Amino acid sequence: MPRSPRLLLSVVALAATTALLTSCQDDDSGDAKAGNAAAASPASPSAPSPSSPSSPAETSPASPSASQPAETPGDTGGGTAGATGSTGDGQPEKVYWEGVSHYLAPGKYSVTDDTTKKERAFLTSTKTVINGNGWICGTEEKTQRCTAAQLDAATKKGKRLVVKIAADGTAVTIDEQHN
């Protein structure tokens, strides 16, 4: 029973993140970003007046950080893709999650972090690299690429994984954790 609210919260957070990233990707040109930042400033409660000349200057620091996730999801090879987001307390969002895996649905999984005991849901895509060393697939002597079906079976057993998650919630790489 206690996992159900966490699961629901994880799925809702993933959907909200995906929606926000999708809306940020629509404004690729600099003029569109400036126009959207100016349009967004009257809706923010901290802006005293939309006609004040300092309003665009106040919103410009928020514009680059809001546009960074839209620029990084395409760069799945970089190590900073998940680090551009932040948690509610201003800390950078984790990129690597390691711990016990959980099967949610085909292509949808979660991992419970060993140190924080927080659960993070993630998705897989055709670009996700799944590496096995005996638990997901293959043998302990040689790393082997695994299939999504093999990952499904391993996560249903609660195998320990190290998952690199991009800012959009998609797993970039999945490795076994043999510690």
N, C-alpha and C. Protein backbone atom coordinates (compact mmCIF):
# COMPACT_ATOMS: atom_id res chain seq x y z
N MET A 1 0.80 -1.20 0.00
CA MET A 1 0.00 0.00 0.00
C MET A 1 0.85 1.27 0.00
N PRO A 2 1.95 1.35 0.76
CA PRO A 2 2.70 2.60 0.80
C PRO A 2 3.34 2.96 -0.53
N ARG A 3 3.57 1.97 -1.42
CA ARG A 3 4.20 2.28 -2.71
C ARG A 3 3.24 2.96 -3.66
N SER A 4 1.93 2.72 -3.51
CA SER A 4 0.96 3.26 -4.45
C SER A 4 0.98 4.79 -4.50
N PRO A 5 0.97 5.52 -3.37
CA PRO A 5 1.05 6.98 -3.45
C PRO A 5 2.38 7.46 -4.03
N ARG A 6 3.48 6.77 -3.71
CA ARG A 6 4.78 7.16 -4.27
C ARG A 6 4.80 6.93 -5.77
N LEU A 7 4.21 5.84 -6.19
CA LEU A 7 4.15 5.53 -7.62
C LEU A 7 3.32 6.57 -8.35
N LEU A 8 2.18 6.91 -7.79
CA LEU A 8 1.33 7.92 -8.40
C LEU A 8 2.05 9.26 -8.46
N LEU A 9 2.73 9.63 -7.39
CA LEU A 9 3.48 10.88 -7.36
C LEU A 9 4.60 10.87 -8.39
N SER A 10 5.28 9.75 -8.53
CA SER A 10 6.36 9.64 -9.53
C SER A 10 5.83 9.78 -10.94
N VAL A 11 4.71 9.14 -11.22
CA VAL A 11 4.13 9.21 -12.56
C VAL A 11 3.65 10.62 -12.86
N VAL A 12 3.01 11.28 -11.89
CA VAL A 12 2.54 12.65 -12.08
C VAL A 12 3.73 13.59 -12.29
N ALA A 13 4.79 13.42 -11.51
CA ALA A 13 5.98 14.27 -11.67
C ALA A 13 6.63 14.06 -13.03
N LEU A 14 6.67 12.82 -13.48
CA LEU A 14 7.24 12.52 -14.79
C LEU A 14 6.41 13.16 -15.90
N ALA A 15 5.10 13.08 -15.78
CA ALA A 15 4.22 13.68 -16.80
C ALA A 15 4.36 15.20 -16.81
N ALA A 16 4.45 15.81 -15.63
CA ALA A 16 4.61 17.27 -15.56
C ALA A 16 5.94 17.70 -16.15
N THR A 17 7.00 16.97 -15.85
CA THR A 17 8.32 17.29 -16.40
C THR A 17 8.32 17.17 -17.91
N THR A 18 7.72 16.12 -18.42
CA THR A 18 7.65 15.93 -19.87
C THR A 18 6.86 17.06 -20.52
N ALA A 19 5.76 17.46 -19.91
CA ALA A 19 4.96 18.55 -20.47
C ALA A 19 5.74 19.86 -20.48
N LEU A 20 6.46 20.13 -19.41
CA LEU A 20 7.25 21.36 -19.35
C LEU A 20 8.37 21.35 -20.38
N LEU A 21 9.05 20.24 -20.53
CA LEU A 21 10.13 20.15 -21.51
C LEU A 21 9.61 20.28 -22.92
N THR A 22 8.45 19.71 -23.18
CA THR A 22 7.87 19.80 -24.52
C THR A 22 7.51 21.24 -24.83
N SER A 23 6.97 21.97 -23.87
CA SER A 23 6.60 23.36 -24.12
C SER A 23 7.83 24.23 -24.29
N CYS A 24 8.93 23.89 -23.64
CA CYS A 24 10.16 24.68 -23.79
C CYS A 24 10.82 24.45 -25.14
N GLN A 25 10.63 23.30 -25.74
CA GLN A 25 11.29 22.98 -27.01
C GLN A 25 10.66 23.73 -28.17
N ASP A 26 9.46 24.28 -28.02
CA ASP A 26 8.81 24.97 -29.11
C ASP A 26 9.45 26.30 -29.45
N ASP A 27 10.09 26.96 -28.49
CA ASP A 27 10.69 28.26 -28.79
C ASP A 27 12.19 28.12 -28.99
N ASP A 28 12.60 27.84 -30.24
CA ASP A 28 14.00 27.64 -30.56
C ASP A 28 14.73 28.94 -30.86
N SER A 29 14.05 29.95 -31.38
CA SER A 29 14.74 31.19 -31.73
C SER A 29 14.85 32.10 -30.52
N GLY A 30 15.83 32.98 -30.54
CA GLY A 30 16.05 33.90 -29.43
C GLY A 30 14.91 34.88 -29.27
N ASP A 31 14.29 35.32 -30.41
CA ASP A 31 13.17 36.25 -30.33
C ASP A 31 11.98 35.60 -29.65
N ALA A 32 11.75 34.34 -29.93
CA ALA A 32 10.63 33.64 -29.31
C ALA A 32 10.85 33.50 -27.81
N LYS A 33 12.09 33.27 -27.38
CA LYS A 33 12.38 33.15 -25.96
C LYS A 33 12.13 34.47 -25.26
N ALA A 34 12.58 35.55 -25.87
CA ALA A 34 12.39 36.86 -25.26
C ALA A 34 10.91 37.20 -25.20
N GLY A 35 10.16 36.87 -26.27
CA GLY A 35 8.73 37.14 -26.29
C GLY A 35 8.01 36.32 -25.25
N ASN A 36 8.37 35.06 -25.12
CA ASN A 36 7.73 34.21 -24.12
C ASN A 36 8.09 34.63 -22.71
N ALA A 37 9.30 35.09 -22.49
CA ALA A 37 9.69 35.55 -21.16
C ALA A 37 8.91 36.80 -20.80
N ALA A 38 8.73 37.69 -21.76
CA ALA A 38 7.97 38.91 -21.50
C ALA A 38 6.51 38.58 -21.28
N ALA A 39 5.99 37.61 -22.02
CA ALA A 39 4.60 37.23 -21.86
C ALA A 39 4.38 36.51 -20.53
N ALA A 40 5.39 35.82 -20.05
CA ALA A 40 5.25 35.07 -18.80
C ALA A 40 5.38 35.97 -17.58
N SER A 41 6.04 37.11 -17.70
CA SER A 41 6.28 37.95 -16.53
C SER A 41 5.01 38.52 -15.92
N PRO A 42 3.94 38.90 -16.67
CA PRO A 42 2.75 39.39 -16.00
C PRO A 42 2.06 38.30 -15.18
N ALA A 43 2.21 37.05 -15.56
CA ALA A 43 1.56 35.97 -14.83
C ALA A 43 2.28 35.64 -13.53
N SER A 44 3.55 36.02 -13.42
CA SER A 44 4.28 35.70 -12.21
C SER A 44 3.90 36.66 -11.10
N PRO A 45 3.65 36.16 -9.89
CA PRO A 45 3.23 37.02 -8.79
C PRO A 45 4.34 37.95 -8.30
N SER A 46 5.60 37.66 -8.60
CA SER A 46 6.68 38.50 -8.11
C SER A 46 6.89 39.75 -8.94
N ALA A 47 6.35 39.81 -10.16
CA ALA A 47 6.51 40.99 -11.00
C ALA A 47 5.49 42.04 -10.59
N PRO A 48 5.93 43.23 -10.14
CA PRO A 48 5.00 44.23 -9.65
C PRO A 48 4.18 44.87 -10.76
N SER A 49 4.77 45.07 -11.92
CA SER A 49 4.06 45.77 -12.97
C SER A 49 4.60 45.30 -14.32
N PRO A 50 3.73 44.90 -15.25
CA PRO A 50 4.24 44.44 -16.53
C PRO A 50 4.83 45.56 -17.38
N SER A 51 4.51 46.81 -17.10
CA SER A 51 5.01 47.91 -17.92
C SER A 51 6.29 48.52 -17.38
N SER A 52 6.77 48.07 -16.22
CA SER A 52 8.00 48.65 -15.68
C SER A 52 9.18 48.23 -16.54
N PRO A 53 10.15 49.12 -16.78
CA PRO A 53 11.28 48.79 -17.64
C PRO A 53 12.18 47.71 -17.05
N SER A 54 12.12 47.47 -15.75
CA SER A 54 13.00 46.46 -15.17
C SER A 54 12.42 45.05 -15.27
N SER A 55 11.17 44.91 -15.73
CA SER A 55 10.55 43.59 -15.84
C SER A 55 11.32 42.64 -16.75
N PRO A 56 11.70 43.04 -17.99
CA PRO A 56 12.45 42.10 -18.82
C PRO A 56 13.79 41.74 -18.20
N ALA A 57 14.44 42.66 -17.51
CA ALA A 57 15.72 42.36 -16.88
C ALA A 57 15.53 41.36 -15.75
N GLU A 58 14.39 41.48 -15.04
CA GLU A 58 14.13 40.55 -13.95
C GLU A 58 13.86 39.15 -14.48
N THR A 59 13.23 39.05 -15.65
CA THR A 59 12.89 37.73 -16.18
C THR A 59 14.03 37.12 -16.97
N SER A 60 15.02 37.89 -17.39
CA SER A 60 16.08 37.33 -18.22
C SER A 60 16.93 36.29 -17.49
N PRO A 61 17.21 36.39 -16.18
CA PRO A 61 17.94 35.30 -15.55
C PRO A 61 17.15 33.99 -15.55
N ALA A 62 15.83 34.06 -15.49
CA ALA A 62 15.03 32.85 -15.49
C ALA A 62 14.97 32.23 -16.88
N SER A 63 15.07 33.05 -17.91
CA SER A 63 14.95 32.53 -19.27
C SER A 63 16.05 31.54 -19.63
N PRO A 64 17.34 31.81 -19.37
CA PRO A 64 18.35 30.82 -19.73
C PRO A 64 18.18 29.50 -19.00
N SER A 65 17.85 29.53 -17.71
CA SER A 65 17.72 28.27 -16.99
C SER A 65 16.49 27.51 -17.46
N ALA A 66 15.44 28.23 -17.87
CA ALA A 66 14.26 27.55 -18.37
C ALA A 66 14.52 26.96 -19.75
N SER A 67 15.43 27.57 -20.51
CA SER A 67 15.68 27.06 -21.85
C SER A 67 16.76 25.98 -21.86
N GLN A 68 17.55 25.84 -20.82
CA GLN A 68 18.62 24.84 -20.82
C GLN A 68 18.10 23.42 -20.97
N PRO A 69 17.04 22.99 -20.25
CA PRO A 69 16.59 21.62 -20.45
C PRO A 69 16.15 21.35 -21.88
N ALA A 70 15.60 22.38 -22.57
CA ALA A 70 15.16 22.18 -23.94
C ALA A 70 16.34 21.96 -24.86
N GLU A 71 17.50 22.51 -24.52
CA GLU A 71 18.66 22.35 -25.37
C GLU A 71 19.42 21.05 -25.08
N THR A 72 19.32 20.53 -23.86
CA THR A 72 20.13 19.38 -23.50
C THR A 72 19.53 18.01 -23.79
N PRO A 73 18.18 17.81 -23.87
CA PRO A 73 17.71 16.45 -24.10
C PRO A 73 18.21 15.82 -25.39
N GLY A 74 18.44 16.61 -26.43
CA GLY A 74 18.96 16.06 -27.67
C GLY A 74 20.39 15.57 -27.51
N ASP A 75 21.10 16.11 -26.54
CA ASP A 75 22.49 15.74 -26.31
C ASP A 75 22.54 14.65 -25.25
N THR A 76 22.14 13.45 -25.63
CA THR A 76 22.10 12.37 -24.66
C THR A 76 23.47 11.84 -24.32
N GLY A 77 24.50 12.22 -25.08
CA GLY A 77 25.83 11.72 -24.80
C GLY A 77 26.54 12.51 -23.74
N GLY A 78 26.08 13.73 -23.43
CA GLY A 78 26.75 14.57 -22.45
C GLY A 78 26.42 14.17 -21.04
N GLY A 79 27.29 14.51 -20.11
CA GLY A 79 27.06 14.15 -18.72
C GLY A 79 26.26 15.17 -17.96
N THR A 80 25.87 16.28 -18.59
CA THR A 80 25.16 17.32 -17.87
C THR A 80 23.68 17.35 -18.17
N ALA A 81 23.16 16.41 -18.93
CA ALA A 81 21.76 16.46 -19.33
C ALA A 81 20.84 16.48 -18.13
N GLY A 82 21.05 15.63 -17.14
CA GLY A 82 20.18 15.59 -15.98
C GLY A 82 20.54 16.61 -14.93
N ALA A 83 21.71 17.22 -15.03
CA ALA A 83 22.16 18.15 -14.02
C ALA A 83 21.59 19.54 -14.21
N THR A 84 20.88 19.81 -15.32
CA THR A 84 20.36 21.14 -15.54
C THR A 84 19.10 21.40 -14.75
N GLY A 85 18.38 20.35 -14.37
CA GLY A 85 17.19 20.54 -13.57
C GLY A 85 17.56 20.76 -12.12
N SER A 86 16.55 21.02 -11.30
CA SER A 86 16.84 21.17 -9.89
C SER A 86 15.69 20.62 -9.09
N THR A 87 15.99 20.29 -7.86
CA THR A 87 14.97 19.83 -6.95
C THR A 87 14.28 21.03 -6.34
N GLY A 88 13.27 20.81 -5.55
CA GLY A 88 12.54 21.91 -4.94
C GLY A 88 13.39 22.74 -3.99
N ASP A 89 14.47 22.17 -3.44
CA ASP A 89 15.30 22.91 -2.51
C ASP A 89 16.50 23.58 -3.18
N GLY A 90 16.51 23.67 -4.51
CA GLY A 90 17.57 24.37 -5.23
C GLY A 90 18.78 23.52 -5.52
N GLN A 91 18.79 22.26 -5.12
CA GLN A 91 19.92 21.37 -5.39
C GLN A 91 19.81 20.83 -6.82
N PRO A 92 20.95 20.57 -7.48
CA PRO A 92 20.88 20.00 -8.82
C PRO A 92 20.24 18.62 -8.80
N GLU A 93 19.51 18.31 -9.86
CA GLU A 93 18.86 17.02 -9.97
C GLU A 93 19.89 15.94 -10.25
N LYS A 94 19.70 14.77 -9.65
CA LYS A 94 20.64 13.67 -9.84
C LYS A 94 20.57 13.14 -11.27
N VAL A 95 21.71 12.73 -11.79
CA VAL A 95 21.78 12.13 -13.11
C VAL A 95 21.84 10.61 -12.98
N TYR A 96 22.66 10.10 -12.07
CA TYR A 96 22.82 8.66 -11.87
C TYR A 96 22.02 8.23 -10.64
N TRP A 97 21.22 7.20 -10.81
CA TRP A 97 20.47 6.62 -9.72
C TRP A 97 20.89 5.17 -9.60
N GLU A 98 21.21 4.74 -8.39
CA GLU A 98 21.59 3.35 -8.20
C GLU A 98 20.85 2.77 -7.01
N GLY A 99 20.37 1.55 -7.20
CA GLY A 99 19.64 0.89 -6.14
C GLY A 99 18.76 -0.21 -6.70
N VAL A 100 17.73 -0.57 -5.93
CA VAL A 100 16.84 -1.67 -6.29
C VAL A 100 15.86 -1.19 -7.36
N SER A 101 15.70 -2.02 -8.40
CA SER A 101 14.82 -1.67 -9.51
C SER A 101 13.41 -2.21 -9.28
N HIS A 102 12.44 -1.55 -9.91
CA HIS A 102 11.04 -1.95 -9.82
C HIS A 102 10.43 -1.89 -11.22
N TYR A 103 9.68 -2.89 -11.57
CA TYR A 103 8.97 -2.93 -12.85
C TYR A 103 7.62 -2.25 -12.66
N LEU A 104 7.29 -1.28 -13.52
CA LEU A 104 6.00 -0.60 -13.44
C LEU A 104 5.09 -1.03 -14.59
N ALA A 105 5.61 -1.01 -15.80
CA ALA A 105 4.89 -1.39 -17.02
C ALA A 105 5.94 -1.58 -18.11
N PRO A 106 5.56 -2.12 -19.26
CA PRO A 106 6.56 -2.26 -20.32
C PRO A 106 7.18 -0.90 -20.68
N GLY A 107 8.49 -0.81 -20.56
CA GLY A 107 9.20 0.43 -20.86
C GLY A 107 9.19 1.45 -19.73
N LYS A 108 8.56 1.12 -18.60
CA LYS A 108 8.46 2.04 -17.47
C LYS A 108 8.94 1.33 -16.21
N TYR A 109 9.90 1.95 -15.55
CA TYR A 109 10.54 1.34 -14.39
C TYR A 109 10.79 2.41 -13.34
N SER A 110 11.26 1.97 -12.18
CA SER A 110 11.73 2.91 -11.16
C SER A 110 12.91 2.28 -10.45
N VAL A 111 13.68 3.13 -9.79
CA VAL A 111 14.82 2.66 -9.01
C VAL A 111 14.78 3.42 -7.69
N THR A 112 14.98 2.70 -6.59
CA THR A 112 15.00 3.31 -5.26
C THR A 112 16.45 3.54 -4.88
N ASP A 113 16.80 4.81 -4.66
CA ASP A 113 18.17 5.18 -4.34
C ASP A 113 18.58 4.60 -2.99
N ASP A 114 19.79 4.07 -2.92
CA ASP A 114 20.28 3.44 -1.70
C ASP A 114 20.45 4.43 -0.56
N THR A 115 20.99 5.60 -0.85
CA THR A 115 21.32 6.54 0.22
C THR A 115 20.12 7.37 0.65
N THR A 116 19.35 7.89 -0.30
CA THR A 116 18.24 8.78 0.06
C THR A 116 16.92 8.05 0.24
N LYS A 117 16.85 6.80 -0.22
CA LYS A 117 15.63 5.98 -0.18
C LYS A 117 14.50 6.59 -1.01
N LYS A 118 14.84 7.49 -1.93
CA LYS A 118 13.84 8.07 -2.83
C LYS A 118 13.71 7.20 -4.06
N GLU A 119 12.50 7.14 -4.59
CA GLU A 119 12.24 6.34 -5.78
C GLU A 119 12.13 7.26 -6.98
N ARG A 120 12.77 6.90 -8.09
CA ARG A 120 12.76 7.72 -9.31
C ARG A 120 12.26 6.86 -10.46
N ALA A 121 11.17 7.28 -11.07
CA ALA A 121 10.64 6.57 -12.23
C ALA A 121 11.40 7.00 -13.48
N PHE A 122 11.52 6.09 -14.44
CA PHE A 122 12.16 6.42 -15.70
C PHE A 122 11.58 5.56 -16.81
N LEU A 123 11.78 6.02 -18.03
CA LEU A 123 11.31 5.32 -19.21
C LEU A 123 12.51 4.82 -20.00
N THR A 124 12.28 3.86 -20.87
CA THR A 124 13.33 3.45 -21.80
C THR A 124 12.86 3.78 -23.21
N SER A 125 13.82 3.94 -24.10
CA SER A 125 13.51 4.19 -25.50
C SER A 125 14.36 3.25 -26.35
N THR A 126 14.23 3.37 -27.65
CA THR A 126 15.04 2.54 -28.53
C THR A 126 16.51 2.93 -28.46
N LYS A 127 16.81 4.11 -27.94
CA LYS A 127 18.20 4.57 -27.82
C LYS A 127 18.83 4.22 -26.47
N THR A 128 18.05 3.70 -25.54
CA THR A 128 18.58 3.33 -24.23
C THR A 128 19.53 2.14 -24.36
N VAL A 129 20.71 2.28 -23.78
CA VAL A 129 21.71 1.20 -23.80
C VAL A 129 21.56 0.40 -22.51
N ILE A 130 21.25 -0.88 -22.64
CA ILE A 130 21.07 -1.77 -21.49
C ILE A 130 22.24 -2.76 -21.48
N ASN A 131 23.08 -2.68 -20.45
CA ASN A 131 24.26 -3.53 -20.34
C ASN A 131 24.05 -4.57 -19.25
N GLY A 132 24.39 -5.82 -19.55
CA GLY A 132 24.23 -6.89 -18.58
C GLY A 132 25.53 -7.60 -18.29
N ASN A 133 25.68 -8.01 -17.04
CA ASN A 133 26.82 -8.81 -16.59
C ASN A 133 26.34 -9.97 -15.73
N GLY A 134 25.33 -10.69 -16.19
CA GLY A 134 24.88 -11.86 -15.47
C GLY A 134 23.52 -11.74 -14.83
N TRP A 135 23.06 -10.56 -14.48
CA TRP A 135 21.75 -10.41 -13.86
C TRP A 135 20.68 -10.12 -14.90
N ILE A 136 20.91 -9.12 -15.73
CA ILE A 136 19.94 -8.81 -16.77
C ILE A 136 20.10 -9.81 -17.91
N CYS A 137 21.33 -9.97 -18.37
CA CYS A 137 21.66 -10.93 -19.42
C CYS A 137 23.17 -11.15 -19.40
N GLY A 138 23.64 -12.08 -20.20
CA GLY A 138 25.08 -12.30 -20.32
C GLY A 138 25.67 -13.05 -19.14
N THR A 139 27.00 -12.94 -19.04
CA THR A 139 27.74 -13.58 -17.96
C THR A 139 28.52 -12.54 -17.19
N GLU A 140 29.00 -12.92 -16.01
CA GLU A 140 29.78 -11.99 -15.20
C GLU A 140 31.11 -11.64 -15.83
N GLU A 141 31.61 -12.50 -16.72
CA GLU A 141 32.92 -12.28 -17.32
C GLU A 141 32.91 -11.23 -18.42
N LYS A 142 31.77 -11.04 -19.09
CA LYS A 142 31.74 -10.15 -20.25
C LYS A 142 30.44 -9.35 -20.28
N THR A 143 30.56 -8.02 -20.43
CA THR A 143 29.40 -7.16 -20.56
C THR A 143 28.74 -7.41 -21.90
N GLN A 144 27.42 -7.48 -21.88
CA GLN A 144 26.66 -7.77 -23.10
C GLN A 144 25.47 -6.82 -23.18
N ARG A 145 25.09 -6.43 -24.40
CA ARG A 145 23.88 -5.63 -24.59
C ARG A 145 22.66 -6.51 -24.36
N CYS A 146 21.67 -5.96 -23.66
CA CYS A 146 20.47 -6.72 -23.32
C CYS A 146 19.25 -6.12 -24.01
N THR A 147 18.18 -6.89 -24.04
CA THR A 147 16.93 -6.44 -24.65
C THR A 147 16.00 -5.87 -23.58
N ALA A 148 14.95 -5.20 -24.04
CA ALA A 148 13.96 -4.66 -23.11
C ALA A 148 13.24 -5.79 -22.38
N ALA A 149 13.00 -6.90 -23.05
CA ALA A 149 12.34 -8.05 -22.40
C ALA A 149 13.20 -8.60 -21.27
N GLN A 150 14.52 -8.64 -21.47
CA GLN A 150 15.42 -9.11 -20.42
C GLN A 150 15.44 -8.13 -19.25
N LEU A 151 15.37 -6.83 -19.55
CA LEU A 151 15.30 -5.82 -18.49
C LEU A 151 14.00 -5.96 -17.71
N ASP A 152 12.89 -6.20 -18.41
CA ASP A 152 11.61 -6.42 -17.73
C ASP A 152 11.72 -7.55 -16.71
N ALA A 153 12.29 -8.66 -17.13
CA ALA A 153 12.42 -9.82 -16.24
C ALA A 153 13.30 -9.50 -15.04
N ALA A 154 14.40 -8.78 -15.26
CA ALA A 154 15.31 -8.46 -14.16
C ALA A 154 14.69 -7.49 -13.17
N THR A 155 13.95 -6.49 -13.67
CA THR A 155 13.34 -5.52 -12.75
C THR A 155 12.19 -6.14 -11.98
N LYS A 156 11.53 -7.12 -12.55
CA LYS A 156 10.47 -7.83 -11.81
C LYS A 156 11.05 -8.59 -10.63
N LYS A 157 12.33 -8.95 -10.71
CA LYS A 157 13.02 -9.65 -9.62
C LYS A 157 13.68 -8.68 -8.65
N GLY A 158 13.65 -7.37 -8.94
CA GLY A 158 14.24 -6.38 -8.05
C GLY A 158 15.75 -6.33 -8.09
N LYS A 159 16.33 -6.54 -9.26
CA LYS A 159 17.80 -6.51 -9.39
C LYS A 159 18.31 -5.09 -9.18
N ARG A 160 19.56 -4.99 -8.74
CA ARG A 160 20.17 -3.69 -8.46
C ARG A 160 20.74 -3.11 -9.75
N LEU A 161 20.42 -1.84 -10.01
CA LEU A 161 20.83 -1.18 -11.25
C LEU A 161 21.47 0.16 -10.98
N VAL A 162 22.27 0.62 -11.94
CA VAL A 162 22.76 1.99 -12.00
C VAL A 162 22.18 2.56 -13.28
N VAL A 163 21.37 3.62 -13.15
CA VAL A 163 20.66 4.17 -14.29
C VAL A 163 21.05 5.63 -14.48
N LYS A 164 21.48 5.99 -15.69
CA LYS A 164 21.73 7.39 -16.04
C LYS A 164 20.46 7.90 -16.69
N ILE A 165 19.83 8.89 -16.05
CA ILE A 165 18.54 9.39 -16.51
C ILE A 165 18.71 10.80 -17.05
N ALA A 166 18.23 11.05 -18.27
CA ALA A 166 18.26 12.37 -18.88
C ALA A 166 17.20 13.25 -18.22
N ALA A 167 17.26 14.54 -18.48
CA ALA A 167 16.33 15.49 -17.87
C ALA A 167 14.88 15.20 -18.24
N ASP A 168 14.64 14.56 -19.38
CA ASP A 168 13.27 14.27 -19.79
C ASP A 168 12.72 12.99 -19.17
N GLY A 169 13.50 12.34 -18.31
CA GLY A 169 13.04 11.14 -17.63
C GLY A 169 13.31 9.84 -18.37
N THR A 170 14.03 9.92 -19.47
CA THR A 170 14.36 8.72 -20.24
C THR A 170 15.74 8.22 -19.84
N ALA A 171 15.86 6.93 -19.66
CA ALA A 171 17.15 6.34 -19.31
C ALA A 171 18.08 6.39 -20.51
N VAL A 172 19.30 6.85 -20.29
CA VAL A 172 20.33 6.87 -21.33
C VAL A 172 21.08 5.55 -21.31
N THR A 173 21.55 5.15 -20.12
CA THR A 173 22.22 3.87 -19.94
C THR A 173 21.69 3.18 -18.69
N ILE A 174 21.66 1.86 -18.75
CA ILE A 174 21.28 1.04 -17.60
C ILE A 174 22.35 -0.02 -17.43
N ASP A 175 22.96 -0.06 -16.26
CA ASP A 175 24.00 -1.04 -15.95
C ASP A 175 23.62 -1.78 -14.68
N GLU A 176 24.17 -2.97 -14.52
CA GLU A 176 23.96 -3.72 -13.29
C GLU A 176 24.87 -3.18 -12.19
N GLN A 177 24.40 -3.26 -10.96
CA GLN A 177 25.20 -2.82 -9.83
C GLN A 177 25.60 -4.06 -9.03
N HIS A 178 26.87 -4.43 -9.14
CA HIS A 178 27.38 -5.65 -8.48
C HIS A 178 28.21 -5.30 -7.26
N ASN A 179 27.74 -4.43 -6.40
CA ASN A 179 28.51 -4.06 -5.20
C ASN A 179 27.98 -4.78 -4.00
